[in-house]
């Protein structure tokens, strides 16, 4: 294997690379649907947050509001989302999926399942469960760590 020639990759690099390759494989499967990865992400987040306003969705997606507005404009033109006026605040639009978006979501879920199956093809059930438990623990530890102040290098060595 290539890594044996150099040095072993860090866990961060390996996680990033696996995620990149899973996105790539998903995109290969989804190419015929003519949606960008960003549009898929909007559909996925909106499917569990219908009625959210644009700023809230931008925050969930961790993108700038102006970037989301452009995506939403294209998706609205395609008939996948609709903007509805907020009942009490005229400045806000609330976002909803249209009926045309739901079949795409089902296709997306199926493609995601196929991609996960590609990645885990030769894992036993026990290995799969162990990996999920370890990744969940890593995430929990990092969520906690992100609530703590960061020591500067100078403070650590004193």
Protein backbone atom coordinates (compact mmCIF):
# COMPACT_ATOMS: atom_id res chain seq x y z
CA UNK A 1 0.00 0.00 0.00
CA UNK A 2 1.15 3.56 -0.75
CA UNK A 3 1.13 4.67 2.90
CA UNK A 4 3.60 1.95 3.83
CA UNK A 5 6.18 3.65 1.62
CA UNK A 6 5.87 6.97 3.42
CA UNK A 7 4.47 7.21 6.86
CA UNK A 8 1.19 6.22 8.36
CA UNK A 9 -1.51 8.88 7.89
CA UNK A 10 -2.95 10.66 10.89
CA UNK A 11 -6.49 9.88 12.00
CA UNK A 12 -7.56 13.35 10.88
CA UNK A 13 -6.14 12.90 7.40
CA UNK A 14 -7.63 9.44 7.07
CA UNK A 15 -11.10 10.58 8.21
CA UNK A 16 -10.95 13.51 5.81
CA UNK A 17 -9.84 11.29 2.93
CA UNK A 18 -12.55 8.69 3.59
CA UNK A 19 -15.19 11.45 3.70
CA UNK A 20 -13.82 12.93 0.46
CA UNK A 21 -13.93 9.56 -1.30
CA UNK A 22 -17.46 8.88 -0.06
CA UNK A 23 -18.58 12.27 -1.43
CA UNK A 24 -16.84 11.49 -4.71
CA UNK A 25 -18.55 8.09 -5.00
CA UNK A 26 -21.92 9.60 -4.11
CA UNK A 27 -21.45 12.30 -6.74
CA UNK A 28 -20.55 9.67 -9.35
CA UNK A 29 -23.83 7.91 -8.64
CA UNK A 30 -25.84 11.16 -8.53
CA UNK A 31 -24.36 12.86 -11.60
CA UNK A 32 -27.35 11.98 -13.79
CA UNK A 33 -29.71 13.93 -11.49
CA UNK A 34 -28.10 17.28 -12.38
CA UNK A 35 -27.83 18.60 -8.82
CA UNK A 36 -24.70 19.96 -7.18
CA UNK A 37 -23.44 18.64 -3.85
CA UNK A 38 -24.45 21.97 -2.29
CA UNK A 39 -27.99 21.53 -3.60
CA UNK A 40 -28.11 18.00 -2.19
CA UNK A 41 -27.03 19.36 1.18
CA UNK A 42 -29.75 22.02 1.09
CA UNK A 43 -32.39 19.39 0.28
CA UNK A 44 -31.16 17.09 3.05
CA UNK A 45 -31.09 19.80 5.74
CA UNK A 46 -34.37 21.30 4.63
CA UNK A 47 -36.07 17.90 4.68
CA UNK A 48 -35.69 17.81 8.47
CA UNK A 49 -36.04 21.57 9.04
CA UNK A 50 -38.95 22.64 6.86
CA UNK A 51 -40.29 26.07 7.76
CA UNK A 52 -36.86 27.38 8.75
CA UNK A 53 -35.80 30.85 7.61
CA UNK A 54 -32.88 31.41 5.25
CA UNK A 55 -30.43 32.63 7.90
CA UNK A 56 -31.16 29.61 10.09
CA UNK A 57 -30.58 27.24 7.20
CA UNK A 58 -27.35 29.01 6.25
CA UNK A 59 -26.17 28.57 9.85
CA UNK A 60 -27.02 24.85 9.80
CA UNK A 61 -25.14 24.41 6.53
CA UNK A 62 -22.25 26.56 7.78
CA UNK A 63 -22.31 28.75 4.68
CA UNK A 64 -22.80 32.45 4.10
CA UNK A 65 -26.37 33.67 3.61
CA UNK A 66 -25.57 35.14 0.19
CA UNK A 67 -24.25 31.76 -0.98
CA UNK A 68 -27.44 30.08 0.19
CA UNK A 69 -29.63 32.68 -1.54
CA UNK A 70 -28.03 31.83 -4.89
CA UNK A 71 -28.57 28.11 -4.30
CA UNK A 72 -32.17 28.65 -3.24
CA UNK A 73 -32.86 30.82 -6.30
CA UNK A 74 -31.70 28.02 -8.61
CA UNK A 75 -33.60 25.39 -6.66
CA UNK A 76 -36.77 27.49 -6.69
CA UNK A 77 -36.45 27.95 -10.47
CA UNK A 78 -36.21 24.17 -10.75
CA UNK A 79 -39.33 23.76 -8.60
CA UNK A 80 -37.64 22.01 -5.67
CA UNK A 81 -38.18 24.55 -2.90
CA UNK A 82 -40.62 27.32 -2.15
CA UNK A 83 -40.30 30.45 -0.08
CA UNK A 84 -43.29 31.46 2.00
CA UNK A 85 -43.73 34.73 3.83
CA UNK A 86 -43.35 34.59 7.59
CA UNK A 87 -46.78 35.16 9.16
CA UNK A 88 -45.64 38.03 11.41
CA UNK A 89 -42.29 39.24 10.02
CA UNK A 90 -42.37 40.46 6.42
CA UNK A 91 -38.58 40.48 6.24
CA UNK A 92 -38.35 36.69 6.63
CA UNK A 93 -39.04 33.94 4.13
CA UNK A 94 -39.68 30.44 5.38
CA UNK A 95 -38.39 27.54 3.31
CA UNK A 96 -40.27 24.41 2.29
CA UNK A 97 -39.69 21.52 -0.08
CA UNK A 98 -42.07 21.15 -2.97
CA UNK A 99 -43.66 17.80 -3.89
CA UNK A 100 -41.10 17.54 -6.72
CA UNK A 101 -38.24 17.42 -4.17
CA UNK A 102 -39.45 14.35 -2.29
CA UNK A 103 -38.68 11.76 -5.01
CA UNK A 104 -35.17 13.24 -5.29
CA UNK A 105 -34.72 12.86 -1.54
CA UNK A 106 -35.66 9.19 -1.78
CA UNK A 107 -33.17 8.72 -4.61
CA UNK A 108 -30.54 10.57 -2.58
CA UNK A 109 -31.12 8.33 0.43
CA UNK A 110 -30.77 5.25 -1.75
CA UNK A 111 -27.54 6.55 -3.29
CA UNK A 112 -26.23 7.32 0.17
CA UNK A 113 -26.99 3.78 1.30
CA UNK A 114 -25.21 2.36 -1.76
CA UNK A 115 -22.20 4.57 -1.06
CA UNK A 116 -22.04 3.47 2.58
CA UNK A 117 -22.29 -0.13 1.41
CA UNK A 118 -19.35 0.47 -0.96
CA UNK A 119 -17.28 1.83 1.91
CA UNK A 120 -18.18 -0.93 4.36
CA UNK A 121 -18.44 -3.85 1.91
CA UNK A 122 -16.13 -6.26 3.73
CA UNK A 123 -16.83 -5.15 7.30
CA UNK A 124 -18.52 -7.60 9.63
CA UNK A 125 -21.52 -6.41 11.63
CA UNK A 126 -19.30 -6.31 14.73
CA UNK A 127 -16.64 -4.22 12.95
CA UNK A 128 -19.28 -1.83 11.66
CA UNK A 129 -20.74 -1.41 15.15
CA UNK A 130 -17.29 -0.92 16.69
CA UNK A 131 -16.38 1.74 14.12
CA UNK A 132 -19.65 3.58 14.76
CA UNK A 133 -19.07 3.50 18.52
CA UNK A 134 -15.51 4.82 18.19
CA UNK A 135 -16.49 7.60 15.79
CA UNK A 136 -19.38 8.56 18.07
CA UNK A 137 -16.98 8.78 21.02
CA UNK A 138 -14.55 10.88 18.98
CA UNK A 139 -17.36 13.25 18.02
CA UNK A 140 -18.58 13.55 21.61
CA UNK A 141 -15.07 14.29 22.85
CA UNK A 142 -14.57 16.94 20.18
CA UNK A 143 -17.95 18.54 20.86
CA UNK A 144 -16.91 18.81 24.51
CA UNK A 145 -13.40 20.04 23.62
CA UNK A 146 -14.89 22.79 21.45
CA UNK A 147 -16.58 24.24 24.54
CA UNK A 148 -13.23 24.67 26.32
CA UNK A 149 -10.78 27.53 25.91
CA UNK A 150 -7.70 26.78 23.81
CA UNK A 151 -4.38 27.04 25.57
CA UNK A 152 -1.70 28.93 23.74
CA UNK A 153 1.62 27.16 23.22
CA UNK A 154 3.28 29.48 25.72
CA UNK A 155 0.79 28.64 28.47
CA UNK A 156 1.14 24.90 27.93
CA UNK A 157 4.90 24.83 28.58
CA UNK A 158 5.03 27.12 31.59
